[in-house]
Structure formats: structure tokens, C-alpha cells
Amino acid sequence: MRKHLLLALTVALLLPAAAAAFENQIGFGIHYWTALDDLEDEGFDESGTSIYGAWRLGTPGPLAFEVDLEYFDDSFAGADGSAFSPQVYVLLGGFVYGGVGVGVTFADLPDGSDVSDPFWAARLGLSIPLFVRVRLDLNANYQADSFANLGDASSDSITLGAALRFKLD
């Protein structure tokens, strides 16, 4: 009993200091679902866009975790109506960063289900400081049906994203 009380007291005293060491950011962005190869021929296709919100928790080092919620307004991947896609990423780096994530899509899908199989995602980006608490995030993204297939990315399947992120601390 005494050990548990001592542990709880230690955690209660150290938790505020540990939380202060993490950097919280929220962001809002656009994901262009136009493959890089198509940009040269067609330019940006407005029907190939989605919007997303993001929450990034950065550690004191180069490690960060990000939770995204992406919204598609109509007919994404054959869905009947709008779709939502929660995603979670583990990222490494600072100004230049990269990482992997996993997500699913909730929608009225053609196969009759309401949720897709999980997909894996890879992201490479630039986190450009604009102001003291504001960053522009430019990123390239690739999604695959398995972690092993993330290495098969080619320019005809990489999409682009851009977001503004705001530091909360």
C-alpha cells in the first residue's frame, strides 16, 4: 500500500513537468488526392481533395506522434456520400520529417461495409516556421494495404498535403 501511495505521489508531482516538456500543436489542412505524375499533365483536380484536422504531440527530441481526421465530401473510393478517415502517425525529424502511420475509412462503402480494412501510410514532409507559434506543413503521402507494401511507392501513387499548424503551449 505504501509503495502505491509513493508511486502515485511521484507521478502526480512529475506529471506537470513531463507534460510541459511536450509540444502540442493543432493544425488544419488540405490533402490533394492527385498523383504527382498527374500534376504535370492535368494540374490540381478539385474533386481529388479532402480536408483534415491534426493534433501533433512532439517529444523533447525528434520524435512526434500525430492524430489526423480526414474528411472526404463525396464518393471517395467509391463510397456513397461523405467519408471520414482517422489516422495515427509516428514521426521522426524536425524541419524535415518522415514517418509511418495507420488508418481506416468510415463510409458507406461499395461492398456494403461501413469501415475499410486498415491501411498503412508513409509521410515525408517539411515543417516550415512562419511565425513563433505557426508552422506550414508540406507533405508527400503514400498509402498501402500492408506495411510491407510501403516500400513500393512510385510517383503515380504519391499524393500531396499542406497544413497550418499552431503551437498550443
Protein backbone atom coordinates (compact mmCIF):
# COMPACT_ATOMS: atom_id res chain seq x y z
CA MET A 1 0.00 0.00 0.00
CA ARG A 2 2.77 2.40 0.94
CA LYS A 3 4.63 1.70 -2.35
CA HIS A 4 1.50 2.50 -4.37
CA LEU A 5 0.96 5.75 -2.48
CA LEU A 6 4.59 6.76 -3.03
CA LEU A 7 4.33 5.90 -6.75
CA ALA A 8 1.09 7.89 -7.13
CA LEU A 9 2.61 10.89 -5.36
CA THR A 10 5.73 10.75 -7.54
CA VAL A 11 3.65 10.59 -10.73
CA ALA A 12 1.43 13.46 -9.56
CA LEU A 13 4.48 15.64 -8.88
CA LEU A 14 6.32 14.77 -12.12
CA LEU A 15 3.34 14.76 -14.50
CA PRO A 16 3.07 18.56 -14.91
CA ALA A 17 6.80 18.80 -15.66
CA ALA A 18 6.60 15.93 -18.15
CA ALA A 19 3.55 17.44 -19.88
CA ALA A 20 5.31 20.79 -20.17
CA ALA A 21 8.21 19.09 -21.98
CA PHE A 22 5.91 18.02 -24.82
CA GLU A 23 4.92 20.41 -27.59
CA ASN A 24 1.24 20.35 -28.56
CA GLN A 25 0.17 21.57 -31.99
CA ILE A 26 -3.17 21.57 -33.78
CA GLY A 27 -3.49 22.03 -37.49
CA PHE A 28 -5.87 22.17 -40.40
CA GLY A 29 -5.00 21.26 -43.95
CA ILE A 30 -5.84 20.05 -47.42
CA HIS A 31 -4.85 16.73 -48.94
CA TYR A 32 -4.65 16.73 -52.73
CA TRP A 33 -5.56 13.28 -54.00
CA THR A 34 -3.86 13.95 -57.32
CA ALA A 35 -0.84 11.76 -58.00
CA LEU A 36 2.45 13.54 -58.65
CA ASP A 37 2.56 12.20 -62.23
CA ASP A 38 -0.85 13.77 -62.94
CA LEU A 39 0.16 17.27 -61.81
CA GLU A 40 2.32 17.80 -64.87
CA ASP A 41 -0.47 16.76 -67.25
CA GLU A 42 -3.64 17.98 -65.53
CA GLY A 43 -2.84 20.34 -62.64
CA PHE A 44 -4.75 20.10 -59.36
CA ASP A 45 -8.15 18.43 -59.63
CA GLU A 46 -10.56 19.91 -57.06
CA SER A 47 -12.59 16.69 -56.95
CA GLY A 48 -9.46 14.99 -55.62
CA THR A 49 -9.18 16.94 -52.37
CA SER A 50 -10.01 16.29 -48.76
CA ILE A 51 -9.61 18.38 -45.63
CA TYR A 52 -8.10 17.26 -42.37
CA GLY A 53 -7.50 18.28 -38.81
CA ALA A 54 -4.38 17.21 -36.96
CA TRP A 55 -3.08 17.10 -33.41
CA ARG A 56 0.67 16.62 -33.05
CA LEU A 57 2.40 15.84 -29.77
CA GLY A 58 6.14 16.37 -30.02
CA THR A 59 8.63 14.97 -27.54
CA PRO A 60 11.72 16.93 -26.43
CA GLY A 61 13.72 15.02 -29.08
CA PRO A 62 12.98 14.34 -32.75
CA LEU A 63 10.02 12.01 -32.06
CA ALA A 64 6.41 13.14 -32.56
CA PHE A 65 3.00 11.47 -32.64
CA GLU A 66 0.20 12.79 -34.83
CA VAL A 67 -3.51 12.01 -34.95
CA ASP A 68 -5.34 13.13 -38.09
CA LEU A 69 -9.02 13.12 -39.00
CA GLU A 70 -9.57 13.45 -42.74
CA TYR A 71 -12.94 14.32 -44.31
CA PHE A 72 -13.96 13.48 -47.89
CA ASP A 73 -17.10 15.23 -49.08
CA ASP A 74 -18.27 12.72 -51.69
CA SER A 75 -17.54 9.47 -53.50
CA PHE A 76 -14.08 8.74 -52.12
CA ALA A 77 -13.01 5.19 -53.06
CA GLY A 78 -16.49 4.53 -54.42
CA ALA A 79 -18.26 5.48 -51.18
CA ASP A 80 -21.84 6.64 -51.32
CA GLY A 81 -21.64 10.09 -49.70
CA SER A 82 -19.05 11.56 -47.37
CA ALA A 83 -16.30 9.66 -45.58
CA PHE A 84 -14.07 10.12 -42.51
CA SER A 85 -10.62 8.67 -42.05
CA PRO A 86 -8.88 8.71 -38.66
CA GLN A 87 -5.12 8.11 -38.88
CA VAL A 88 -2.26 7.85 -36.38
CA TYR A 89 1.40 8.57 -37.26
CA VAL A 90 4.78 8.14 -35.60
CA LEU A 91 7.13 10.80 -37.00
CA LEU A 92 10.87 11.48 -36.73
CA GLY A 93 12.67 14.71 -37.52
CA GLY A 94 12.18 18.44 -37.26
CA PHE A 95 12.29 20.79 -40.26
CA VAL A 96 12.45 17.69 -42.48
CA TYR A 97 10.46 14.80 -41.05
CA GLY A 98 9.15 11.41 -42.03
CA GLY A 99 7.22 8.56 -40.55
CA VAL A 100 4.61 5.87 -40.84
CA GLY A 101 1.02 5.57 -39.75
CA VAL A 102 -2.12 3.50 -39.90
CA GLY A 103 -5.74 4.43 -40.52
CA VAL A 104 -9.20 3.32 -41.60
CA THR A 105 -12.01 4.96 -43.55
CA PHE A 106 -15.59 5.18 -42.29
CA ALA A 107 -18.11 5.48 -45.13
CA ASP A 108 -20.95 3.72 -46.92
CA LEU A 109 -18.59 1.54 -48.98
CA PRO A 110 -19.49 -0.32 -52.20
CA ASP A 111 -19.03 -3.72 -50.51
CA GLY A 112 -21.78 -2.85 -48.01
CA SER A 113 -19.49 -2.26 -45.04
CA ASP A 114 -19.17 0.93 -43.03
CA VAL A 115 -15.43 0.73 -42.35
CA SER A 116 -12.50 -0.09 -44.61
CA ASP A 117 -9.72 -2.51 -43.88
CA PRO A 118 -6.81 -0.76 -42.14
CA PHE A 119 -4.31 0.93 -44.45
CA TRP A 120 -0.70 1.86 -43.82
CA ALA A 121 0.68 5.27 -44.69
CA ALA A 122 4.11 6.80 -45.15
CA ARG A 123 4.68 10.55 -44.95
CA LEU A 124 7.67 12.75 -45.76
CA GLY A 125 7.34 16.46 -45.06
CA LEU A 126 8.73 19.88 -44.33
CA SER A 127 7.72 21.78 -41.19
CA ILE A 128 8.43 25.41 -42.09
CA PRO A 129 8.26 28.03 -39.32
CA LEU A 130 6.17 31.05 -40.39
CA PHE A 131 5.76 32.78 -37.02
CA VAL A 132 6.72 31.91 -33.44
CA ARG A 133 3.67 29.65 -32.97
CA VAL A 134 2.72 28.90 -36.60
CA ARG A 135 4.21 26.35 -38.99
CA LEU A 136 3.45 25.48 -42.59
CA ASP A 137 3.50 21.72 -43.08
CA LEU A 138 4.06 20.49 -46.65
CA ASN A 139 3.97 16.72 -47.07
CA ALA A 140 4.03 13.87 -49.57
CA ASN A 141 1.96 10.81 -48.71
CA TYR A 142 1.69 7.21 -49.81
CA GLN A 143 -0.84 4.61 -48.67
CA ALA A 144 -0.69 0.83 -48.98
CA ASP A 145 -2.80 -2.11 -47.86
CA SER A 146 0.08 -3.60 -45.84
CA PHE A 147 3.17 -2.34 -44.03
CA ALA A 148 5.38 -4.41 -46.36
CA ASN A 149 3.97 -2.61 -49.42
CA LEU A 150 5.01 0.86 -48.17
CA GLY A 151 8.33 0.35 -49.95
CA ASP A 152 6.57 0.05 -53.32
CA ALA A 153 5.73 3.76 -53.64
CA SER A 154 6.06 5.32 -57.08
CA SER A 155 5.35 8.84 -58.31
CA ASP A 156 1.99 7.77 -59.77
CA SER A 157 0.68 6.92 -56.30
CA ILE A 158 2.13 9.68 -54.08
CA THR A 159 -0.23 12.49 -53.06
CA LEU A 160 0.41 15.94 -51.57
CA GLY A 161 -0.80 17.69 -48.44
CA ALA A 162 -0.45 21.12 -46.86
CA ALA A 163 -1.49 22.31 -43.40
CA LEU A 164 -1.06 25.17 -41.00
CA ARG A 165 -0.13 24.00 -37.51
CA PHE A 166 -0.46 26.17 -34.39
CA LYS A 167 1.57 25.61 -31.22
CA LEU A 168 -0.69 25.46 -28.15
CA ASP A 169 1.91 25.68 -25.37
